[in-house]
Amino acid sequence: MKDEERDILRKTILELLAKGFVHYTDLEKKVCATCHSFATTNTFKPQLDYLLRNEFVERASRGIYHITEKGRKYLVLLT
């Protein structure tokens, strides 16, 4: 995956989470439904894992995710 594609996926995930708490399945469907051909289930999961590992995103409860303050700052950098 190219760096540009990776950044687009991360930005899309963070933008969706910036609107509020989102369930994993809904998040995956919305990201994969974008017009980008590289947005698939197989490319989504590693990017969400990256965002979780680096504390840009937190798991609020089972299957529910939200953006952190650190994630909001990262989103500004990606924009």
N, C-alpha and C. Protein backbone atom coordinates (compact mmCIF):
# COMPACT_ATOMS: atom_id res chain seq x y z
N MET A 1 0.85 -1.19 0.00
CA MET A 1 0.00 0.00 0.00
C MET A 1 0.89 1.24 0.00
N LYS A 2 0.55 2.19 -0.82
CA LYS A 2 1.30 3.44 -0.92
C LYS A 2 1.03 4.31 0.30
N ASP A 3 1.99 5.17 0.63
CA ASP A 3 1.83 6.08 1.77
C ASP A 3 0.60 6.97 1.62
N GLU A 4 0.36 7.44 0.40
CA GLU A 4 -0.78 8.33 0.14
C GLU A 4 -2.11 7.60 0.41
N GLU A 5 -2.20 6.37 -0.03
CA GLU A 5 -3.42 5.57 0.18
C GLU A 5 -3.61 5.29 1.67
N ARG A 6 -2.53 4.97 2.34
CA ARG A 6 -2.57 4.71 3.78
C ARG A 6 -3.08 5.94 4.53
N ASP A 7 -2.56 7.12 4.18
CA ASP A 7 -2.99 8.36 4.84
C ASP A 7 -4.45 8.67 4.55
N ILE A 8 -4.92 8.39 3.35
CA ILE A 8 -6.32 8.63 3.01
C ILE A 8 -7.23 7.74 3.86
N LEU A 9 -6.86 6.47 4.02
CA LEU A 9 -7.66 5.57 4.86
C LEU A 9 -7.68 6.03 6.31
N ARG A 10 -6.53 6.40 6.83
CA ARG A 10 -6.46 6.87 8.23
C ARG A 10 -7.30 8.13 8.41
N LYS A 11 -7.20 9.04 7.45
CA LYS A 11 -7.97 10.28 7.52
C LYS A 11 -9.47 9.98 7.49
N THR A 12 -9.90 9.08 6.62
CA THR A 12 -11.31 8.71 6.51
C THR A 12 -11.81 8.11 7.83
N ILE A 13 -11.03 7.22 8.42
CA ILE A 13 -11.42 6.62 9.70
C ILE A 13 -11.55 7.69 10.77
N LEU A 14 -10.57 8.57 10.88
CA LEU A 14 -10.59 9.61 11.90
C LEU A 14 -11.74 10.59 11.69
N GLU A 15 -12.03 10.93 10.44
CA GLU A 15 -13.14 11.85 10.15
C GLU A 15 -14.47 11.25 10.60
N LEU A 16 -14.67 9.97 10.36
CA LEU A 16 -15.90 9.30 10.78
C LEU A 16 -16.00 9.26 12.30
N LEU A 17 -14.89 8.98 12.96
CA LEU A 17 -14.90 8.91 14.42
C LEU A 17 -15.01 10.28 15.08
N ALA A 18 -14.61 11.32 14.37
CA ALA A 18 -14.71 12.68 14.91
C ALA A 18 -16.17 13.10 15.08
N LYS A 19 -17.07 12.43 14.37
CA LYS A 19 -18.51 12.75 14.47
C LYS A 19 -19.16 12.11 15.69
N GLY A 20 -18.45 11.16 16.32
CA GLY A 20 -19.00 10.49 17.50
C GLY A 20 -18.56 9.04 17.56
N PHE A 21 -19.08 8.33 18.53
CA PHE A 21 -18.74 6.92 18.73
C PHE A 21 -19.31 6.10 17.57
N VAL A 22 -18.50 5.17 17.05
CA VAL A 22 -18.92 4.37 15.91
C VAL A 22 -18.60 2.90 16.18
N HIS A 23 -19.53 2.03 15.81
CA HIS A 23 -19.33 0.59 15.95
C HIS A 23 -18.39 0.12 14.84
N TYR A 24 -17.58 -0.88 15.15
CA TYR A 24 -16.57 -1.40 14.21
C TYR A 24 -17.17 -1.73 12.85
N THR A 25 -18.28 -2.46 12.85
CA THR A 25 -18.88 -2.89 11.59
C THR A 25 -19.33 -1.70 10.74
N ASP A 26 -19.95 -0.71 11.38
CA ASP A 26 -20.38 0.49 10.66
C ASP A 26 -19.17 1.25 10.11
N LEU A 27 -18.15 1.34 10.93
CA LEU A 27 -16.94 2.05 10.52
C LEU A 27 -16.31 1.37 9.30
N GLU A 28 -16.19 0.06 9.37
CA GLU A 28 -15.61 -0.70 8.26
C GLU A 28 -16.43 -0.54 6.98
N LYS A 29 -17.75 -0.66 7.09
CA LYS A 29 -18.62 -0.51 5.91
C LYS A 29 -18.50 0.87 5.30
N LYS A 30 -18.49 1.91 6.13
CA LYS A 30 -18.43 3.28 5.61
C LYS A 30 -17.09 3.56 4.94
N VAL A 31 -16.01 3.07 5.54
CA VAL A 31 -14.69 3.29 4.95
C VAL A 31 -14.58 2.53 3.63
N CYS A 32 -15.03 1.30 3.60
CA CYS A 32 -14.94 0.49 2.38
C CYS A 32 -15.90 0.98 1.29
N ALA A 33 -16.92 1.73 1.67
CA ALA A 33 -17.89 2.25 0.70
C ALA A 33 -17.41 3.54 0.03
N THR A 34 -16.26 4.06 0.47
CA THR A 34 -15.73 5.26 -0.18
C THR A 34 -15.41 4.93 -1.63
N CYS A 35 -15.20 5.93 -2.41
CA CYS A 35 -14.96 5.72 -3.84
C CYS A 35 -13.55 5.22 -4.13
N HIS A 36 -12.75 5.02 -3.10
CA HIS A 36 -11.37 4.57 -3.30
C HIS A 36 -11.31 3.06 -3.49
N SER A 37 -10.71 2.63 -4.58
CA SER A 37 -10.65 1.20 -4.89
C SER A 37 -9.76 0.43 -3.91
N PHE A 38 -8.82 1.11 -3.26
CA PHE A 38 -7.92 0.44 -2.32
C PHE A 38 -8.53 0.29 -0.92
N ALA A 39 -9.72 0.84 -0.70
CA ALA A 39 -10.39 0.74 0.60
C ALA A 39 -11.15 -0.58 0.67
N THR A 40 -10.52 -1.57 1.27
CA THR A 40 -11.13 -2.89 1.41
C THR A 40 -11.03 -3.33 2.87
N THR A 41 -11.69 -4.42 3.19
CA THR A 41 -11.60 -4.98 4.53
C THR A 41 -10.15 -5.27 4.90
N ASN A 42 -9.39 -5.76 3.93
CA ASN A 42 -7.99 -6.12 4.18
C ASN A 42 -7.08 -4.91 4.38
N THR A 43 -7.45 -3.75 3.85
CA THR A 43 -6.63 -2.55 4.06
C THR A 43 -7.14 -1.74 5.24
N PHE A 44 -8.42 -1.89 5.58
CA PHE A 44 -9.01 -1.15 6.69
C PHE A 44 -8.44 -1.57 8.05
N LYS A 45 -8.43 -2.87 8.31
CA LYS A 45 -8.05 -3.40 9.62
C LYS A 45 -6.65 -2.96 10.06
N PRO A 46 -5.62 -3.08 9.21
CA PRO A 46 -4.28 -2.65 9.64
C PRO A 46 -4.21 -1.16 9.98
N GLN A 47 -5.00 -0.35 9.27
CA GLN A 47 -4.96 1.10 9.55
C GLN A 47 -5.66 1.41 10.87
N LEU A 48 -6.77 0.73 11.15
CA LEU A 48 -7.43 0.92 12.45
C LEU A 48 -6.50 0.44 13.57
N ASP A 49 -5.83 -0.67 13.36
CA ASP A 49 -4.88 -1.18 14.36
C ASP A 49 -3.76 -0.17 14.61
N TYR A 50 -3.26 0.44 13.56
CA TYR A 50 -2.21 1.47 13.70
C TYR A 50 -2.72 2.63 14.55
N LEU A 51 -3.94 3.09 14.24
CA LEU A 51 -4.51 4.22 14.98
C LEU A 51 -4.73 3.86 16.46
N LEU A 52 -5.12 2.64 16.73
CA LEU A 52 -5.30 2.18 18.11
C LEU A 52 -3.96 2.10 18.84
N ARG A 53 -2.97 1.48 18.21
CA ARG A 53 -1.64 1.32 18.81
C ARG A 53 -1.00 2.65 19.20
N ASN A 54 -1.23 3.65 18.36
CA ASN A 54 -0.62 4.97 18.58
C ASN A 54 -1.53 5.93 19.32
N GLU A 55 -2.62 5.41 19.86
CA GLU A 55 -3.55 6.15 20.72
C GLU A 55 -4.23 7.33 20.03
N PHE A 56 -4.44 7.21 18.72
CA PHE A 56 -5.23 8.20 17.99
C PHE A 56 -6.71 7.86 18.11
N VAL A 57 -6.98 6.59 18.40
CA VAL A 57 -8.33 6.06 18.54
C VAL A 57 -8.36 5.18 19.78
N GLU A 58 -9.50 5.17 20.47
CA GLU A 58 -9.68 4.31 21.64
C GLU A 58 -10.91 3.45 21.47
N ARG A 59 -10.88 2.31 22.10
CA ARG A 59 -12.06 1.45 22.15
C ARG A 59 -12.84 1.83 23.39
N ALA A 60 -14.04 2.37 23.21
CA ALA A 60 -14.86 2.82 24.32
C ALA A 60 -15.49 1.64 25.04
N SER A 61 -15.93 0.69 24.29
CA SER A 61 -16.49 -0.56 24.81
C SER A 61 -16.38 -1.58 23.70
N ARG A 62 -16.90 -2.75 23.91
CA ARG A 62 -16.75 -3.81 22.91
C ARG A 62 -17.28 -3.38 21.54
N GLY A 63 -16.36 -3.26 20.59
CA GLY A 63 -16.73 -2.92 19.22
C GLY A 63 -17.04 -1.47 18.95
N ILE A 64 -16.95 -0.61 19.97
CA ILE A 64 -17.27 0.81 19.81
C ILE A 64 -15.97 1.62 19.93
N TYR A 65 -15.74 2.48 18.95
CA TYR A 65 -14.50 3.25 18.91
C TYR A 65 -14.79 4.75 18.88
N HIS A 66 -13.81 5.52 19.34
CA HIS A 66 -13.91 6.97 19.24
C HIS A 66 -12.52 7.57 19.10
N ILE A 67 -12.48 8.79 18.61
CA ILE A 67 -11.22 9.49 18.38
C ILE A 67 -10.74 10.11 19.69
N THR A 68 -9.43 10.17 19.88
CA THR A 68 -8.85 10.81 21.06
C THR A 68 -8.42 12.23 20.70
N GLU A 69 -8.01 12.99 21.70
CA GLU A 69 -7.51 14.35 21.44
C GLU A 69 -6.25 14.27 20.56
N LYS A 70 -5.41 13.29 20.82
CA LYS A 70 -4.22 13.07 20.00
C LYS A 70 -4.63 12.75 18.56
N GLY A 71 -5.71 12.01 18.40
CA GLY A 71 -6.22 11.68 17.07
C GLY A 71 -6.75 12.90 16.34
N ARG A 72 -7.37 13.80 17.08
CA ARG A 72 -7.86 15.05 16.46
C ARG A 72 -6.70 15.88 15.92
N LYS A 73 -5.60 15.92 16.67
CA LYS A 73 -4.41 16.66 16.22
C LYS A 73 -3.80 16.00 14.99
N TYR A 74 -3.77 14.66 14.99
CA TYR A 74 -3.25 13.92 13.84
C TYR A 74 -4.12 14.15 12.61
N LEU A 75 -5.43 14.21 12.81
CA LEU A 75 -6.36 14.46 11.70
C LEU A 75 -6.06 15.81 11.05
N VAL A 76 -5.75 16.82 11.86
CA VAL A 76 -5.41 18.13 11.31
C VAL A 76 -4.16 18.02 10.44
N LEU A 77 -3.18 17.24 10.88
CA LEU A 77 -1.96 17.05 10.09
C LEU A 77 -2.23 16.36 8.76
N LEU A 78 -3.20 15.44 8.77
CA LEU A 78 -3.54 14.69 7.54
C LEU A 78 -4.35 15.54 6.56
N THR A 79 -4.97 16.59 7.04
CA THR A 79 -5.85 17.40 6.19
C THR A 79 -5.08 18.37 5.34
